[in-house]
Amino acid sequence: MYSFTQAVIMENETALKVVFQALHAKIAKDVNPDSAIDELFSKNIISDKDCSDLYRVTDIKSRCRQFLLLLRKSSHPETFTHLRDALRDEYPSIVDEIDQQLPLQSTQVQRQRTMDRSQSTDGKFSISSIWFSLVLP
């Protein structure tokens, strides 16, 4: 069983993961991932082997693509939250775009949760339904 805080973190991370996937091509085209790689390494989200492998990729766009794909496989509970934070200083316009898409993503998740809840026969609903109801207008 997850605590309320863990449920909120998981839902936020899921929404961020979807947004980063939607912006994959833009990020791969516009971002030099080196400082984000270093930042996520310092937070133990990626390993020293991952860093070495990424830095062997000489083309920056290809390195960024590989980095994003690697992060999608991460089991760390806040991978994309830390990635968003790592991009904030160097790429504020991309972070703004991510943040603009998050409410849309949250709304879509809430609609799905509401549909799931209305189809439930046991009358129970998830803690994430409560969270999205609280943050959305």
N, C-alpha and C. Protein backbone atom coordinates (compact mmCIF):
# COMPACT_ATOMS: atom_id res chain seq x y z
N MET A 1 0.84 -1.18 0.00
CA MET A 1 0.00 0.00 0.00
C MET A 1 0.88 1.25 0.00
N TYR A 2 0.54 2.20 -0.82
CA TYR A 2 1.31 3.44 -0.91
C TYR A 2 0.71 4.51 -0.03
N SER A 3 1.59 5.38 0.49
CA SER A 3 1.11 6.53 1.24
C SER A 3 0.58 7.56 0.26
N PHE A 4 -0.14 8.52 0.78
CA PHE A 4 -0.69 9.59 -0.06
C PHE A 4 0.44 10.30 -0.81
N THR A 5 1.54 10.61 -0.10
CA THR A 5 2.68 11.29 -0.72
C THR A 5 3.28 10.46 -1.85
N GLN A 6 3.45 9.17 -1.61
CA GLN A 6 3.99 8.28 -2.65
C GLN A 6 3.06 8.24 -3.86
N ALA A 7 1.77 8.22 -3.63
CA ALA A 7 0.81 8.20 -4.73
C ALA A 7 0.91 9.48 -5.55
N VAL A 8 1.06 10.60 -4.88
CA VAL A 8 1.19 11.89 -5.58
C VAL A 8 2.45 11.90 -6.42
N ILE A 9 3.56 11.45 -5.84
CA ILE A 9 4.84 11.40 -6.56
C ILE A 9 4.72 10.49 -7.78
N MET A 10 4.12 9.33 -7.62
CA MET A 10 3.97 8.39 -8.73
C MET A 10 3.11 8.97 -9.85
N GLU A 11 2.02 9.62 -9.50
CA GLU A 11 1.15 10.22 -10.52
C GLU A 11 1.85 11.35 -11.25
N ASN A 12 2.56 12.20 -10.50
CA ASN A 12 3.30 13.29 -11.11
C ASN A 12 4.38 12.75 -12.04
N GLU A 13 5.08 11.72 -11.59
CA GLU A 13 6.14 11.12 -12.40
C GLU A 13 5.57 10.51 -13.68
N THR A 14 4.43 9.86 -13.57
CA THR A 14 3.78 9.28 -14.75
C THR A 14 3.41 10.37 -15.75
N ALA A 15 2.86 11.46 -15.25
CA ALA A 15 2.49 12.57 -16.13
C ALA A 15 3.72 13.16 -16.80
N LEU A 16 4.80 13.36 -16.03
CA LEU A 16 6.04 13.89 -16.60
C LEU A 16 6.61 12.95 -17.65
N LYS A 17 6.57 11.67 -17.39
CA LYS A 17 7.10 10.68 -18.35
C LYS A 17 6.35 10.78 -19.68
N VAL A 18 5.05 10.94 -19.62
CA VAL A 18 4.23 11.08 -20.83
C VAL A 18 4.58 12.37 -21.57
N VAL A 19 4.75 13.45 -20.83
CA VAL A 19 5.09 14.74 -21.46
C VAL A 19 6.47 14.68 -22.09
N PHE A 20 7.44 14.10 -21.39
CA PHE A 20 8.78 13.98 -21.98
C PHE A 20 8.76 13.12 -23.24
N GLN A 21 7.94 12.09 -23.25
CA GLN A 21 7.84 11.27 -24.46
C GLN A 21 7.23 12.08 -25.60
N ALA A 22 6.21 12.87 -25.29
CA ALA A 22 5.58 13.70 -26.32
C ALA A 22 6.55 14.74 -26.89
N LEU A 23 7.47 15.20 -26.06
CA LEU A 23 8.44 16.21 -26.48
C LEU A 23 9.79 15.62 -26.88
N HIS A 24 9.84 14.31 -27.02
CA HIS A 24 11.10 13.61 -27.30
C HIS A 24 11.86 14.22 -28.49
N ALA A 25 11.20 14.40 -29.61
CA ALA A 25 11.87 14.91 -30.81
C ALA A 25 12.40 16.33 -30.59
N LYS A 26 11.62 17.17 -29.96
CA LYS A 26 12.04 18.55 -29.70
C LYS A 26 13.24 18.58 -28.75
N ILE A 27 13.17 17.79 -27.69
CA ILE A 27 14.27 17.77 -26.72
C ILE A 27 15.53 17.21 -27.37
N ALA A 28 15.40 16.13 -28.13
CA ALA A 28 16.57 15.54 -28.79
C ALA A 28 17.21 16.53 -29.77
N LYS A 29 16.40 17.38 -30.38
CA LYS A 29 16.90 18.34 -31.35
C LYS A 29 17.54 19.56 -30.67
N ASP A 30 16.97 20.01 -29.55
CA ASP A 30 17.35 21.29 -28.97
C ASP A 30 18.23 21.23 -27.72
N VAL A 31 18.41 20.06 -27.13
CA VAL A 31 19.08 19.98 -25.84
C VAL A 31 20.42 19.26 -25.95
N ASN A 32 21.45 19.87 -25.36
CA ASN A 32 22.71 19.19 -25.13
C ASN A 32 22.56 18.56 -23.74
N PRO A 33 22.55 17.23 -23.66
CA PRO A 33 22.19 16.58 -22.40
C PRO A 33 23.32 16.47 -21.37
N ASP A 34 24.51 16.97 -21.68
CA ASP A 34 25.66 16.71 -20.82
C ASP A 34 25.46 17.14 -19.37
N SER A 35 24.97 18.35 -19.13
CA SER A 35 24.81 18.79 -17.74
C SER A 35 23.70 17.99 -17.04
N ALA A 36 22.66 17.61 -17.78
CA ALA A 36 21.59 16.79 -17.19
C ALA A 36 22.12 15.39 -16.87
N ILE A 37 22.96 14.86 -17.73
CA ILE A 37 23.58 13.55 -17.47
C ILE A 37 24.38 13.63 -16.17
N ASP A 38 25.18 14.67 -16.05
CA ASP A 38 25.99 14.84 -14.83
C ASP A 38 25.11 14.99 -13.60
N GLU A 39 24.05 15.76 -13.72
CA GLU A 39 23.15 15.99 -12.59
C GLU A 39 22.46 14.69 -12.16
N LEU A 40 21.96 13.93 -13.12
CA LEU A 40 21.27 12.69 -12.78
C LEU A 40 22.24 11.62 -12.28
N PHE A 41 23.49 11.66 -12.74
CA PHE A 41 24.51 10.78 -12.18
C PHE A 41 24.75 11.13 -10.72
N SER A 42 24.84 12.42 -10.40
CA SER A 42 25.10 12.85 -9.02
C SER A 42 23.96 12.47 -8.08
N LYS A 43 22.77 12.26 -8.63
CA LYS A 43 21.61 11.86 -7.82
C LYS A 43 21.38 10.35 -7.84
N ASN A 44 22.35 9.61 -8.39
CA ASN A 44 22.27 8.14 -8.46
C ASN A 44 21.09 7.63 -9.27
N ILE A 45 20.69 8.39 -10.27
CA ILE A 45 19.61 7.95 -11.15
C ILE A 45 20.17 7.16 -12.31
N ILE A 46 21.37 7.56 -12.75
CA ILE A 46 22.08 6.78 -13.76
C ILE A 46 23.43 6.37 -13.20
N SER A 47 23.94 5.26 -13.68
CA SER A 47 25.18 4.70 -13.14
C SER A 47 26.41 5.27 -13.86
N ASP A 48 27.57 4.95 -13.32
CA ASP A 48 28.81 5.36 -13.97
C ASP A 48 28.95 4.69 -15.34
N LYS A 49 28.49 3.46 -15.45
CA LYS A 49 28.52 2.77 -16.75
C LYS A 49 27.60 3.48 -17.75
N ASP A 50 26.41 3.88 -17.28
CA ASP A 50 25.49 4.62 -18.14
C ASP A 50 26.14 5.91 -18.65
N CYS A 51 26.80 6.63 -17.74
CA CYS A 51 27.49 7.88 -18.13
C CYS A 51 28.55 7.60 -19.17
N SER A 52 29.37 6.60 -18.92
CA SER A 52 30.44 6.25 -19.86
C SER A 52 29.87 5.89 -21.23
N ASP A 53 28.83 5.08 -21.22
CA ASP A 53 28.19 4.69 -22.48
C ASP A 53 27.62 5.89 -23.22
N LEU A 54 26.98 6.79 -22.49
CA LEU A 54 26.39 7.97 -23.12
C LEU A 54 27.47 8.89 -23.70
N TYR A 55 28.55 9.08 -22.96
CA TYR A 55 29.61 9.97 -23.43
C TYR A 55 30.41 9.39 -24.60
N ARG A 56 30.27 8.11 -24.84
CA ARG A 56 30.89 7.50 -26.02
C ARG A 56 30.14 7.88 -27.30
N VAL A 57 28.90 8.27 -27.16
CA VAL A 57 28.10 8.69 -28.32
C VAL A 57 28.52 10.12 -28.64
N THR A 58 29.18 10.30 -29.78
CA THR A 58 29.77 11.61 -30.08
C THR A 58 28.77 12.64 -30.61
N ASP A 59 27.76 12.19 -31.31
CA ASP A 59 26.75 13.11 -31.83
C ASP A 59 25.81 13.50 -30.69
N ILE A 60 25.67 14.80 -30.43
CA ILE A 60 24.89 15.27 -29.29
C ILE A 60 23.42 14.87 -29.40
N LYS A 61 22.83 14.97 -30.59
CA LYS A 61 21.42 14.58 -30.75
C LYS A 61 21.23 13.09 -30.45
N SER A 62 22.13 12.28 -30.93
CA SER A 62 22.05 10.84 -30.66
C SER A 62 22.26 10.56 -29.18
N ARG A 63 23.19 11.30 -28.55
CA ARG A 63 23.41 11.13 -27.12
C ARG A 63 22.15 11.49 -26.33
N CYS A 64 21.51 12.56 -26.73
CA CYS A 64 20.28 12.99 -26.06
C CYS A 64 19.18 11.93 -26.22
N ARG A 65 19.04 11.41 -27.43
CA ARG A 65 18.05 10.34 -27.66
C ARG A 65 18.33 9.13 -26.77
N GLN A 66 19.59 8.71 -26.73
CA GLN A 66 19.96 7.56 -25.91
C GLN A 66 19.71 7.83 -24.42
N PHE A 67 20.00 9.05 -24.00
CA PHE A 67 19.77 9.46 -22.62
C PHE A 67 18.28 9.37 -22.27
N LEU A 68 17.44 9.92 -23.12
CA LEU A 68 15.99 9.88 -22.87
C LEU A 68 15.47 8.45 -22.85
N LEU A 69 15.96 7.63 -23.75
CA LEU A 69 15.54 6.22 -23.77
C LEU A 69 16.01 5.48 -22.51
N LEU A 70 17.22 5.78 -22.08
CA LEU A 70 17.74 5.18 -20.85
C LEU A 70 16.87 5.56 -19.65
N LEU A 71 16.48 6.81 -19.58
CA LEU A 71 15.67 7.27 -18.46
C LEU A 71 14.30 6.61 -18.43
N ARG A 72 13.75 6.29 -19.58
CA ARG A 72 12.44 5.61 -19.61
C ARG A 72 12.51 4.23 -18.95
N LYS A 73 13.70 3.64 -18.90
CA LYS A 73 13.88 2.33 -18.28
C LYS A 73 14.22 2.42 -16.80
N SER A 74 14.41 3.61 -16.30
CA SER A 74 14.84 3.80 -14.92
C SER A 74 13.76 3.36 -13.93
N SER A 75 14.20 2.77 -12.84
CA SER A 75 13.27 2.39 -11.78
C SER A 75 13.23 3.43 -10.66
N HIS A 76 14.01 4.47 -10.78
CA HIS A 76 14.02 5.52 -9.75
C HIS A 76 12.64 6.19 -9.74
N PRO A 77 12.05 6.41 -8.57
CA PRO A 77 10.69 6.93 -8.52
C PRO A 77 10.52 8.38 -8.96
N GLU A 78 11.62 9.13 -9.10
CA GLU A 78 11.50 10.54 -9.49
C GLU A 78 12.45 10.90 -10.63
N THR A 79 12.68 9.98 -11.54
CA THR A 79 13.59 10.21 -12.65
C THR A 79 13.24 11.46 -13.44
N PHE A 80 12.00 11.58 -13.87
CA PHE A 80 11.62 12.69 -14.74
C PHE A 80 11.45 13.99 -13.98
N THR A 81 11.17 13.91 -12.71
CA THR A 81 11.15 15.12 -11.88
C THR A 81 12.55 15.69 -11.80
N HIS A 82 13.54 14.83 -11.58
CA HIS A 82 14.93 15.29 -11.52
C HIS A 82 15.42 15.76 -12.90
N LEU A 83 14.98 15.11 -13.96
CA LEU A 83 15.36 15.57 -15.31
C LEU A 83 14.81 16.97 -15.57
N ARG A 84 13.54 17.17 -15.23
CA ARG A 84 12.93 18.50 -15.39
C ARG A 84 13.73 19.54 -14.63
N ASP A 85 14.09 19.24 -13.39
CA ASP A 85 14.87 20.17 -12.57
C ASP A 85 16.25 20.42 -13.18
N ALA A 86 16.86 19.38 -13.73
CA ALA A 86 18.20 19.52 -14.33
C ALA A 86 18.17 20.41 -15.58
N LEU A 87 17.06 20.45 -16.26
CA LEU A 87 16.94 21.26 -17.48
C LEU A 87 16.55 22.71 -17.20
N ARG A 88 16.06 22.99 -16.01
CA ARG A 88 15.46 24.28 -15.69
C ARG A 88 16.37 25.47 -15.98
N ASP A 89 17.62 25.43 -15.57
CA ASP A 89 18.50 26.60 -15.73
C ASP A 89 18.92 26.83 -17.17
N GLU A 90 19.29 25.77 -17.88
CA GLU A 90 19.79 25.91 -19.25
C GLU A 90 18.69 25.99 -20.30
N TYR A 91 17.55 25.39 -20.02
CA TYR A 91 16.48 25.30 -21.02
C TYR A 91 15.13 25.69 -20.41
N PRO A 92 15.02 26.93 -19.94
CA PRO A 92 13.77 27.33 -19.28
C PRO A 92 12.56 27.28 -20.20
N SER A 93 12.76 27.52 -21.50
CA SER A 93 11.60 27.48 -22.41
C SER A 93 11.07 26.05 -22.57
N ILE A 94 11.95 25.07 -22.55
CA ILE A 94 11.50 23.67 -22.63
C ILE A 94 10.79 23.28 -21.34
N VAL A 95 11.33 23.71 -20.20
CA VAL A 95 10.68 23.42 -18.93
C VAL A 95 9.31 24.09 -18.87
N ASP A 96 9.21 25.31 -19.40
CA ASP A 96 7.90 25.98 -19.46
C ASP A 96 6.92 25.17 -20.31
N GLU A 97 7.39 24.65 -21.43
CA GLU A 97 6.53 23.84 -22.29
C GLU A 97 6.10 22.55 -21.58
N ILE A 98 7.02 21.95 -20.85
CA ILE A 98 6.69 20.75 -20.06
C ILE A 98 5.61 21.10 -19.05
N ASP A 99 5.81 22.20 -18.33
CA ASP A 99 4.86 22.59 -17.30
C ASP A 99 3.49 22.93 -17.88
N GLN A 100 3.47 23.52 -19.07
CA GLN A 100 2.20 23.84 -19.72
C GLN A 100 1.44 22.58 -20.10
N GLN A 101 2.16 21.53 -20.45
CA GLN A 101 1.50 20.29 -20.85
C GLN A 101 1.07 19.44 -19.66
N LEU A 102 1.64 19.67 -18.50
CA LEU A 102 1.29 18.87 -17.33
C LEU A 102 -0.18 18.99 -16.93
N PRO A 103 -0.76 20.20 -16.87
CA PRO A 103 -2.18 20.26 -16.52
C PRO A 103 -3.06 19.50 -17.52
N LEU A 104 -2.72 19.56 -18.80
CA LEU A 104 -3.47 18.82 -19.81
C LEU A 104 -3.34 17.33 -19.54
N GLN A 105 -2.14 16.87 -19.27
CA GLN A 105 -1.92 15.46 -18.98
C GLN A 105 -2.68 15.05 -17.73
N SER A 106 -2.65 15.89 -16.70
CA SER A 106 -3.36 15.59 -15.46
C SER A 106 -4.86 15.51 -15.69
N THR A 107 -5.37 16.39 -16.53
CA THR A 107 -6.80 16.36 -16.85
C THR A 107 -7.16 15.06 -17.55
N GLN A 108 -6.33 14.62 -18.47
CA GLN A 108 -6.60 13.37 -19.18
C GLN A 108 -6.54 12.18 -18.24
N VAL A 109 -5.57 12.19 -17.32
CA VAL A 109 -5.48 11.11 -16.34
C VAL A 109 -6.71 11.12 -15.44
N GLN A 110 -7.15 12.31 -15.03
CA GLN A 110 -8.33 12.42 -14.18
C GLN A 110 -9.56 11.88 -14.89
N ARG A 111 -9.72 12.21 -16.17
CA ARG A 111 -10.87 11.69 -16.92
C ARG A 111 -10.86 10.17 -16.94
N GLN A 112 -9.68 9.60 -17.16
CA GLN A 112 -9.57 8.15 -17.18
C GLN A 112 -9.90 7.56 -15.81
N ARG A 113 -9.39 8.19 -14.76
CA ARG A 113 -9.68 7.71 -13.40
C ARG A 113 -11.18 7.78 -13.12
N THR A 114 -11.82 8.86 -13.55
CA THR A 114 -13.25 9.01 -13.33
C THR A 114 -14.02 7.93 -14.08
N MET A 115 -13.61 7.67 -15.32
CA MET A 115 -14.26 6.61 -16.09
C MET A 115 -14.05 5.26 -15.42
N ASP A 116 -12.83 5.00 -14.97
CA ASP A 116 -12.54 3.74 -14.29
C ASP A 116 -13.38 3.60 -13.03
N ARG A 117 -13.51 4.69 -12.28
CA ARG A 117 -14.27 4.67 -11.04
C ARG A 117 -15.75 4.42 -11.31
N SER A 118 -16.28 5.05 -12.37
CA SER A 118 -17.69 4.88 -12.67
C SER A 118 -17.99 3.46 -13.16
N GLN A 119 -16.98 2.78 -13.69
CA GLN A 119 -17.18 1.41 -14.15
C GLN A 119 -16.91 0.40 -13.05
N SER A 120 -16.37 0.86 -11.92
CA SER A 120 -16.06 -0.04 -10.81
C SER A 120 -17.34 -0.51 -10.14
N THR A 121 -17.37 -1.78 -9.78
CA THR A 121 -18.55 -2.31 -9.12
C THR A 121 -18.40 -2.34 -7.62
N ASP A 122 -17.17 -2.12 -7.12
CA ASP A 122 -16.99 -2.20 -5.68
C ASP A 122 -17.06 -0.84 -4.98
N GLY A 123 -17.22 0.24 -5.74
CA GLY A 123 -17.37 1.57 -5.16
C GLY A 123 -16.08 2.20 -4.68
N LYS A 124 -14.95 1.55 -4.90
CA LYS A 124 -13.68 2.09 -4.46
C LYS A 124 -13.04 2.91 -5.58
N PHE A 125 -12.19 3.83 -5.20
CA PHE A 125 -11.42 4.57 -6.19
C PHE A 125 -10.02 4.81 -5.64
N SER A 126 -9.11 5.16 -6.54
CA SER A 126 -7.71 5.27 -6.15
C SER A 126 -7.41 6.61 -5.50
N ILE A 127 -6.35 6.65 -4.74
CA ILE A 127 -5.90 7.88 -4.10
C ILE A 127 -5.51 8.91 -5.15
N SER A 128 -5.05 8.45 -6.32
CA SER A 128 -4.67 9.38 -7.39
C SER A 128 -5.87 10.16 -7.89
N SER A 129 -7.05 9.56 -7.85
CA SER A 129 -8.26 10.28 -8.25
C SER A 129 -8.50 11.45 -7.33
N ILE A 130 -8.26 11.24 -6.05
CA ILE A 130 -8.44 12.31 -5.08
C ILE A 130 -7.42 13.41 -5.34
N TRP A 131 -6.16 13.03 -5.58
CA TRP A 131 -5.12 14.02 -5.78
C TRP A 131 -5.41 14.89 -6.98
N PHE A 132 -5.74 14.29 -8.11
CA PHE A 132 -6.00 15.08 -9.30
C PHE A 132 -7.23 15.96 -9.11
N SER A 133 -8.19 15.53 -8.34
CA SER A 133 -9.35 16.35 -8.06
C SER A 133 -8.95 17.57 -7.25
N LEU A 134 -7.95 17.41 -6.38
CA LEU A 134 -7.52 18.52 -5.54
C LEU A 134 -6.71 19.56 -6.30
N VAL A 135 -5.88 19.13 -7.26
CA VAL A 135 -5.03 20.07 -7.96
C VAL A 135 -5.66 20.72 -9.17
N LEU A 136 -6.63 20.11 -9.71
CA LEU A 136 -7.24 20.67 -10.90
C LEU A 136 -8.42 21.55 -10.53
N PRO A 137 -8.61 22.65 -11.29
CA PRO A 137 -9.74 23.53 -10.99
C PRO A 137 -11.06 22.82 -11.24
